[in-house]
Amino acid sequence: MPTPTPTPTPVPSQSAPALAKVAIPEGVMTDLPGEGKLLAWTVDDGSNSEVIRKYVEFAKKTGTRLTFFVNGTYPGWTENAELLRPLVKTGQIQLGNHTWDHADLTSLSDDGVIDELQKNHDFLMNTFGVDARPFYRPPFGYRNHHTDHLAAKIGYTTPVMWYGSLSDSGLITDQQVVDFATQWFLPQHIVIGHLNFLPVTEVFPQLENLITSRGLQTVTLNDVFVH
């Protein structure tokens, strides 16, 4: 009796989606423009090295496209650099500037604002070969016209906010993560999560199923915008 040919295991697509890119809108970005089924899942900070590793492994396994807003002060970025670099190189994971050590930009001097962004910019260039401009995320979402102007002086012209949050900058339960994802993983939303605590990593399958069931396509900001 002939041996049946085994069904090949699908390999997740990690290539950039075929989208007609649009110009970056002026001012603060909170969602993705136009009609569609795109989801920008953005993930901040990086205080927990294991969470960074598990997010990268999840992306590698599933093909999920993510934007990480990095605080270079956290050692997990250097510890996971070798694992992360291939996905950064292909564009599956985009790196954005979240300042060096998560400072409230509105509380700093002019030089302090520029130093926070420039030091992190240099870290991303030196560690990953990435120029993160023009996208940056102000820590805590704290910004004003003056900090926007200072950031723009060094090329960071687009502060990226969000339209929905997993609310996991602090420790919450895995069920709360799922509940917030259910509320906010919607078409054309920019959703913020954090690389700080483990519960989100326990529910990656549920989050992936949610994205699939809603017909959403994960994208990085670079997938959507030409610059």
C-alpha atoms as a PDB file:
ATOM      1  CA  MET A   1       0.000   0.000   0.000  1.00  0.00           C
ATOM      2  CA  PRO A   2       1.557   3.329  -1.000  1.00  0.00           C
ATOM      3  CA  THR A   3       2.513   5.691   1.764  1.00  0.00           C
ATOM      4  CA  PRO A   4       0.351   8.812   1.623  1.00  0.00           C
ATOM      5  CA  THR A   5       2.149  12.039   0.938  1.00  0.00           C
ATOM      6  CA  PRO A   6       2.212  14.088   4.138  1.00  0.00           C
ATOM      7  CA  THR A   7       0.460  17.415   4.064  1.00  0.00           C
ATOM      8  CA  PRO A   8       3.098  20.153   4.164  1.00  0.00           C
ATOM      9  CA  THR A   9       3.009  22.485   7.117  1.00  0.00           C
ATOM     10  CA  PRO A  10       2.139  25.999   5.925  1.00  0.00           C
ATOM     11  CA  VAL A  11       4.944  28.484   6.308  1.00  0.00           C
ATOM     12  CA  PRO A  12       3.688  31.825   7.630  1.00  0.00           C
ATOM     13  CA  SER A  13       4.094  34.679   5.192  1.00  0.00           C
ATOM     14  CA  GLN A  14       6.584  37.245   6.383  1.00  0.00           C
ATOM     15  CA  SER A  15       6.623  39.336   3.216  1.00  0.00           C
ATOM     16  CA  ALA A  16       5.230  42.829   3.153  1.00  0.00           C
ATOM     17  CA  PRO A  17       1.582  43.013   2.103  1.00  0.00           C
ATOM     18  CA  ALA A  18       0.890  44.405  -1.348  1.00  0.00           C
ATOM     19  CA  LEU A  19      -0.576  47.731  -0.312  1.00  0.00           C
ATOM     20  CA  ALA A  20      -0.764  51.043  -2.121  1.00  0.00           C
ATOM     21  CA  LYS A  21       1.247  53.166   0.284  1.00  0.00           C
ATOM     22  CA  VAL A  22      -0.001  56.609   1.217  1.00  0.00           C
ATOM     23  CA  ALA A  23       1.720  59.770   2.376  1.00  0.00           C
ATOM     24  CA  ILE A  24       2.192  60.241   6.098  1.00  0.00           C
ATOM     25  CA  PRO A  25      -0.494  62.647   7.318  1.00  0.00           C
ATOM     26  CA  GLU A  26       0.683  65.800   9.007  1.00  0.00           C
ATOM     27  CA  GLY A  27       0.527  66.032  12.765  1.00  0.00           C
ATOM     28  CA  VAL A  28      -0.205  63.389  15.354  1.00  0.00           C
ATOM     29  CA  MET A  29      -1.078  59.886  14.136  1.00  0.00           C
ATOM     30  CA  THR A  30      -3.755  57.952  16.035  1.00  0.00           C
ATOM     31  CA  ASP A  31      -5.103  55.492  13.457  1.00  0.00           C
ATOM     32  CA  LEU A  32      -4.608  54.251   9.912  1.00  0.00           C
ATOM     33  CA  PRO A  33      -6.210  56.290   7.119  1.00  0.00           C
ATOM     34  CA  GLY A  34      -8.985  55.165   4.823  1.00  0.00           C
ATOM     35  CA  GLU A  35     -11.174  52.087   4.711  1.00  0.00           C
ATOM     36  CA  GLY A  36      -9.704  48.641   5.075  1.00  0.00           C
ATOM     37  CA  LYS A  37      -9.027  45.708   7.354  1.00  0.00           C
ATOM     38  CA  LEU A  38      -5.571  46.673   8.571  1.00  0.00           C
ATOM     39  CA  LEU A  39      -4.362  46.483  12.165  1.00  0.00           C
ATOM     40  CA  ALA A  40      -1.195  48.192  13.387  1.00  0.00           C
ATOM     41  CA  TRP A  41      -0.228  46.253  16.514  1.00  0.00           C
ATOM     42  CA  THR A  42       2.429  48.378  18.189  1.00  0.00           C
ATOM     43  CA  VAL A  43       4.350  47.281  21.273  1.00  0.00           C
ATOM     44  CA  ASP A  44       6.320  49.549  23.606  1.00  0.00           C
ATOM     45  CA  ASP A  45       9.116  49.694  26.181  1.00  0.00           C
ATOM     46  CA  GLY A  46      10.899  46.343  26.666  1.00  0.00           C
ATOM     47  CA  SER A  47      11.523  46.140  30.402  1.00  0.00           C
ATOM     48  CA  ASN A  48      11.215  42.333  30.330  1.00  0.00           C
ATOM     49  CA  SER A  49      13.726  40.512  28.141  1.00  0.00           C
ATOM     50  CA  GLU A  50      11.669  37.308  28.133  1.00  0.00           C
ATOM     51  CA  VAL A  51       8.610  39.139  26.842  1.00  0.00           C
ATOM     52  CA  ILE A  52      10.666  40.628  24.002  1.00  0.00           C
ATOM     53  CA  ARG A  53      11.936  37.154  23.113  1.00  0.00           C
ATOM     54  CA  LYS A  54       8.474  35.605  23.184  1.00  0.00           C
ATOM     55  CA  TYR A  55       6.999  38.379  21.025  1.00  0.00           C
ATOM     56  CA  VAL A  56       9.750  37.874  18.453  1.00  0.00           C
ATOM     57  CA  GLU A  57       9.258  34.103  18.480  1.00  0.00           C
ATOM     58  CA  PHE A  58       5.499  34.600  18.075  1.00  0.00           C
ATOM     59  CA  ALA A  59       6.050  36.900  15.103  1.00  0.00           C
ATOM     60  CA  LYS A  60       8.500  34.462  13.535  1.00  0.00           C
ATOM     61  CA  LYS A  61       6.105  31.541  13.980  1.00  0.00           C
ATOM     62  CA  THR A  62       2.935  33.251  12.760  1.00  0.00           C
ATOM     63  CA  GLY A  63       4.060  35.934  10.324  1.00  0.00           C
ATOM     64  CA  THR A  64       2.387  38.617  12.444  1.00  0.00           C
ATOM     65  CA  ARG A  65       3.727  42.050  11.554  1.00  0.00           C
ATOM     66  CA  LEU A  66       4.540  44.334  14.487  1.00  0.00           C
ATOM     67  CA  THR A  67       6.000  47.733  15.269  1.00  0.00           C
ATOM     68  CA  PHE A  68       8.161  47.871  18.402  1.00  0.00           C
ATOM     69  CA  PHE A  69       8.660  51.267  20.041  1.00  0.00           C
ATOM     70  CA  VAL A  70      11.972  50.728  21.792  1.00  0.00           C
ATOM     71  CA  ASN A  71      13.471  52.152  24.988  1.00  0.00           C
ATOM     72  CA  GLY A  72      17.134  51.326  24.423  1.00  0.00           C
ATOM     73  CA  THR A  73      17.997  51.594  28.112  1.00  0.00           C
ATOM     74  CA  TYR A  74      16.488  48.141  28.699  1.00  0.00           C
ATOM     75  CA  PRO A  75      19.098  45.357  28.328  1.00  0.00           C
ATOM     76  CA  GLY A  76      16.565  43.020  26.728  1.00  0.00           C
ATOM     77  CA  TRP A  77      16.987  44.778  23.396  1.00  0.00           C
ATOM     78  CA  THR A  78      20.678  43.949  23.275  1.00  0.00           C
ATOM     79  CA  GLU A  79      20.106  40.466  24.703  1.00  0.00           C
ATOM     80  CA  ASN A  80      17.574  39.670  21.969  1.00  0.00           C
ATOM     81  CA  ALA A  81      19.263  41.577  19.148  1.00  0.00           C
ATOM     82  CA  GLU A  82      20.506  38.475  17.329  1.00  0.00           C
ATOM     83  CA  LEU A  83      17.033  36.913  17.379  1.00  0.00           C
ATOM     84  CA  LEU A  84      15.336  40.148  16.340  1.00  0.00           C
ATOM     85  CA  ARG A  85      17.661  41.339  13.570  1.00  0.00           C
ATOM     86  CA  PRO A  86      16.448  38.970  10.806  1.00  0.00           C
ATOM     87  CA  LEU A  87      12.835  40.083  11.272  1.00  0.00           C
ATOM     88  CA  VAL A  88      13.888  43.729  11.326  1.00  0.00           C
ATOM     89  CA  LYS A  89      15.879  43.191   8.148  1.00  0.00           C
ATOM     90  CA  THR A  90      12.886  41.740   6.292  1.00  0.00           C
ATOM     91  CA  GLY A  91      10.618  44.500   7.604  1.00  0.00           C
ATOM     92  CA  GLN A  92       8.283  42.130   9.432  1.00  0.00           C
ATOM     93  CA  ILE A  93       9.088  43.940  12.676  1.00  0.00           C
ATOM     94  CA  GLN A  94       9.605  47.686  12.460  1.00  0.00           C
ATOM     95  CA  LEU A  95      11.471  49.565  15.172  1.00  0.00           C
ATOM     96  CA  GLY A  96      10.331  53.009  16.298  1.00  0.00           C
ATOM     97  CA  ASN A  97      11.829  55.496  18.736  1.00  0.00           C
ATOM     98  CA  HIS A  98      10.251  55.598  22.216  1.00  0.00           C
ATOM     99  CA  THR A  99      13.099  57.663  23.762  1.00  0.00           C
ATOM    100  CA  TRP A 100      16.084  56.246  25.599  1.00  0.00           C
ATOM    101  CA  ASP A 101      14.605  55.702  29.065  1.00  0.00           C
ATOM    102  CA  HIS A 102      10.896  56.508  28.825  1.00  0.00           C
ATOM    103  CA  ALA A 103      11.175  60.111  29.931  1.00  0.00           C
ATOM    104  CA  ASP A 104       8.220  62.486  30.015  1.00  0.00           C
ATOM    105  CA  LEU A 105       9.309  64.808  27.225  1.00  0.00           C
ATOM    106  CA  THR A 106       7.117  67.647  28.468  1.00  0.00           C
ATOM    107  CA  SER A 107       9.118  67.787  31.715  1.00  0.00           C
ATOM    108  CA  LEU A 108      12.547  68.105  30.063  1.00  0.00           C
ATOM    109  CA  SER A 109      14.626  71.007  28.809  1.00  0.00           C
ATOM    110  CA  ASP A 110      14.942  71.474  25.060  1.00  0.00           C
ATOM    111  CA  ASP A 111      18.322  69.753  25.108  1.00  0.00           C
ATOM    112  CA  GLY A 112      16.862  66.984  27.242  1.00  0.00           C
ATOM    113  CA  VAL A 113      14.126  66.232  24.713  1.00  0.00           C
ATOM    114  CA  ILE A 114      16.601  66.050  21.859  1.00  0.00           C
ATOM    115  CA  ASP A 115      19.066  63.970  23.884  1.00  0.00           C
ATOM    116  CA  GLU A 116      16.398  61.392  24.790  1.00  0.00           C
ATOM    117  CA  LEU A 117      15.454  60.889  21.152  1.00  0.00           C
ATOM    118  CA  GLN A 118      18.967  61.159  19.724  1.00  0.00           C
ATOM    119  CA  LYS A 119      20.510  58.669  22.160  1.00  0.00           C
ATOM    120  CA  ASN A 120      17.822  56.127  21.337  1.00  0.00           C
ATOM    121  CA  HIS A 121      18.162  56.891  17.619  1.00  0.00           C
ATOM    122  CA  ASP A 122      21.877  56.142  17.832  1.00  0.00           C
ATOM    123  CA  PHE A 123      21.193  52.905  19.733  1.00  0.00           C
ATOM    124  CA  LEU A 124      18.794  51.683  17.042  1.00  0.00           C
ATOM    125  CA  MET A 125      21.271  52.574  14.311  1.00  0.00           C
ATOM    126  CA  ASN A 126      24.226  50.936  16.032  1.00  0.00           C
ATOM    127  CA  THR A 127      22.396  47.805  17.200  1.00  0.00           C
ATOM    128  CA  PHE A 128      19.997  47.110  14.343  1.00  0.00           C
ATOM    129  CA  GLY A 129      21.112  49.341  11.475  1.00  0.00           C
ATOM    130  CA  VAL A 130      17.736  51.070  11.578  1.00  0.00           C
ATOM    131  CA  ASP A 131      16.909  54.732  11.058  1.00  0.00           C
ATOM    132  CA  ALA A 132      13.585  54.948  12.877  1.00  0.00           C
ATOM    133  CA  ARG A 133      12.648  58.377  11.551  1.00  0.00           C
ATOM    134  CA  PRO A 134      10.080  59.842  11.199  1.00  0.00           C
ATOM    135  CA  PHE A 135       8.099  57.716  13.685  1.00  0.00           C
ATOM    136  CA  TYR A 136       8.376  58.128  17.438  1.00  0.00           C
ATOM    137  CA  ARG A 137       6.055  57.544  20.350  1.00  0.00           C
ATOM    138  CA  PRO A 138       6.159  60.008  23.253  1.00  0.00           C
ATOM    139  CA  PRO A 139       6.322  58.113  26.568  1.00  0.00           C
ATOM    140  CA  PHE A 140       2.995  58.131  28.439  1.00  0.00           C
ATOM    141  CA  GLY A 141       1.576  59.859  25.364  1.00  0.00           C
ATOM    142  CA  TYR A 142       2.817  63.138  26.844  1.00  0.00           C
ATOM    143  CA  ARG A 143       3.591  65.667  24.135  1.00  0.00           C
ATOM    144  CA  ASN A 144       2.788  69.221  23.106  1.00  0.00           C
ATOM    145  CA  HIS A 145       3.500  71.496  20.164  1.00  0.00           C
ATOM    146  CA  HIS A 146       6.872  72.446  21.599  1.00  0.00           C
ATOM    147  CA  THR A 147       8.099  68.876  22.057  1.00  0.00           C
ATOM    148  CA  ASP A 148       6.771  68.048  18.584  1.00  0.00           C
ATOM    149  CA  HIS A 149       8.831  70.925  17.184  1.00  0.00           C
ATOM    150  CA  LEU A 150      11.986  69.796  18.979  1.00  0.00           C
ATOM    151  CA  ALA A 151      11.584  66.204  17.802  1.00  0.00           C
ATOM    152  CA  ALA A 152      11.030  67.387  14.241  1.00  0.00           C
ATOM    153  CA  LYS A 153      14.346  69.261  14.335  1.00  0.00           C
ATOM    154  CA  ILE A 154      16.138  65.892  14.329  1.00  0.00           C
ATOM    155  CA  GLY A 155      13.794  64.241  11.849  1.00  0.00           C
ATOM    156  CA  TYR A 156      11.149  62.789  14.140  1.00  0.00           C
ATOM    157  CA  THR A 157       8.183  64.491  12.537  1.00  0.00           C
ATOM    158  CA  THR A 158       5.430  61.966  13.278  1.00  0.00           C
ATOM    159  CA  PRO A 159       4.351  61.330  16.874  1.00  0.00           C
ATOM    160  CA  VAL A 160       2.461  58.035  16.865  1.00  0.00           C
ATOM    161  CA  MET A 161      -0.326  57.711  19.396  1.00  0.00           C
ATOM    162  CA  TRP A 162      -3.005  54.992  19.377  1.00  0.00           C
ATOM    163  CA  TYR A 163      -6.665  54.138  19.028  1.00  0.00           C
ATOM    164  CA  GLY A 164      -6.972  51.382  21.605  1.00  0.00           C
ATOM    165  CA  SER A 165      -4.748  49.741  24.192  1.00  0.00           C
ATOM    166  CA  LEU A 166      -4.106  46.297  25.651  1.00  0.00           C
ATOM    167  CA  SER A 167      -3.568  48.267  28.884  1.00  0.00           C
ATOM    168  CA  ASP A 168      -0.670  46.043  29.896  1.00  0.00           C
ATOM    169  CA  SER A 169       2.002  48.612  30.710  1.00  0.00           C
ATOM    170  CA  GLY A 170       1.482  47.308  34.241  1.00  0.00           C
ATOM    171  CA  LEU A 171       0.622  43.781  35.320  1.00  0.00           C
ATOM    172  CA  ILE A 172      -2.886  42.600  34.388  1.00  0.00           C
ATOM    173  CA  THR A 173      -4.340  39.123  33.883  1.00  0.00           C
ATOM    174  CA  ASP A 174      -4.189  37.195  30.630  1.00  0.00           C
ATOM    175  CA  GLN A 175      -7.996  37.342  30.411  1.00  0.00           C
ATOM    176  CA  GLN A 176      -7.880  41.127  30.703  1.00  0.00           C
ATOM    177  CA  VAL A 177      -5.421  41.210  27.796  1.00  0.00           C
ATOM    178  CA  VAL A 178      -7.858  39.165  25.697  1.00  0.00           C
ATOM    179  CA  ASP A 179     -10.756  41.402  26.721  1.00  0.00           C
ATOM    180  CA  PHE A 180      -8.899  44.570  25.734  1.00  0.00           C
ATOM    181  CA  ALA A 181      -7.816  43.007  22.437  1.00  0.00           C
ATOM    182  CA  THR A 182     -11.431  42.042  21.749  1.00  0.00           C
ATOM    183  CA  GLN A 183     -12.420  45.654  22.356  1.00  0.00           C
ATOM    184  CA  TRP A 184      -9.696  47.279  20.258  1.00  0.00           C
ATOM    185  CA  PHE A 185      -8.407  44.909  17.543  1.00  0.00           C
ATOM    186  CA  LEU A 186     -10.546  46.565  14.878  1.00  0.00           C
ATOM    187  CA  PRO A 187     -10.055  47.727  11.270  1.00  0.00           C
ATOM    188  CA  GLN A 188      -7.631  50.620  10.768  1.00  0.00           C
ATOM    189  CA  HIS A 189      -6.777  50.863  14.465  1.00  0.00           C
ATOM    190  CA  ILE A 190      -3.339  51.501  15.895  1.00  0.00           C
ATOM    191  CA  VAL A 191      -3.296  49.486  19.120  1.00  0.00           C
ATOM    192  CA  ILE A 192      -0.655  49.794  21.830  1.00  0.00           C
ATOM    193  CA  GLY A 193       0.697  46.939  23.928  1.00  0.00           C
ATOM    194  CA  HIS A 194       3.816  46.567  26.060  1.00  0.00           C
ATOM    195  CA  LEU A 195       6.872  44.332  26.291  1.00  0.00           C
ATOM    196  CA  ASN A 196       6.877  44.413  30.072  1.00  0.00           C
ATOM    197  CA  PHE A 197       4.856  41.571  31.628  1.00  0.00           C
ATOM    198  CA  LEU A 198       4.274  37.931  30.691  1.00  0.00           C
ATOM    199  CA  PRO A 199       0.451  37.539  30.619  1.00  0.00           C
ATOM    200  CA  VAL A 200       0.155  38.707  26.994  1.00  0.00           C
ATOM    201  CA  THR A 201       2.568  35.974  25.937  1.00  0.00           C
ATOM    202  CA  GLU A 202       0.231  33.344  27.417  1.00  0.00           C
ATOM    203  CA  VAL A 203      -2.632  34.377  25.119  1.00  0.00           C
ATOM    204  CA  PHE A 204      -0.872  34.835  21.783  1.00  0.00           C
ATOM    205  CA  PRO A 205      -2.976  32.020  20.240  1.00  0.00           C
ATOM    206  CA  GLN A 206      -6.200  33.748  21.289  1.00  0.00           C
ATOM    207  CA  LEU A 207      -4.987  37.083  19.912  1.00  0.00           C
ATOM    208  CA  GLU A 208      -3.965  35.455  16.631  1.00  0.00           C
ATOM    209  CA  ASN A 209      -7.372  33.762  16.375  1.00  0.00           C
ATOM    210  CA  LEU A 210      -9.099  37.076  17.051  1.00  0.00           C
ATOM    211  CA  ILE A 211      -7.182  38.755  14.236  1.00  0.00           C
ATOM    212  CA  THR A 212      -7.971  35.895  11.848  1.00  0.00           C
ATOM    213  CA  SER A 213     -11.648  35.659  12.769  1.00  0.00           C
ATOM    214  CA  ARG A 214     -12.118  39.372  12.105  1.00  0.00           C
ATOM    215  CA  GLY A 215     -10.331  39.204   8.769  1.00  0.00           C
ATOM    216  CA  LEU A 216      -7.692  41.679   9.888  1.00  0.00           C
ATOM    217  CA  GLN A 217      -4.252  42.027   8.331  1.00  0.00           C
ATOM    218  CA  THR A 218      -1.410  43.081  10.612  1.00  0.00           C
ATOM    219  CA  VAL A 219       0.852  45.781   9.216  1.00  0.00           C
ATOM    220  CA  THR A 220       3.794  47.880  10.273  1.00  0.00           C
ATOM    221  CA  LEU A 221       3.693  51.626   9.803  1.00  0.00           C
ATOM    222  CA  ASN A 222       6.241  51.273   7.013  1.00  0.00           C
ATOM    223  CA  ASP A 223       3.860  48.889   5.230  1.00  0.00           C
ATOM    224  CA  VAL A 224       1.238  51.630   5.069  1.00  0.00           C
ATOM    225  CA  PHE A 225       3.133  54.887   4.631  1.00  0.00           C
ATOM    226  CA  VAL A 226       5.628  56.077   2.059  1.00  0.00           C
ATOM    227  CA  HIS A 227       8.408  58.295   3.349  1.00  0.00           C
END
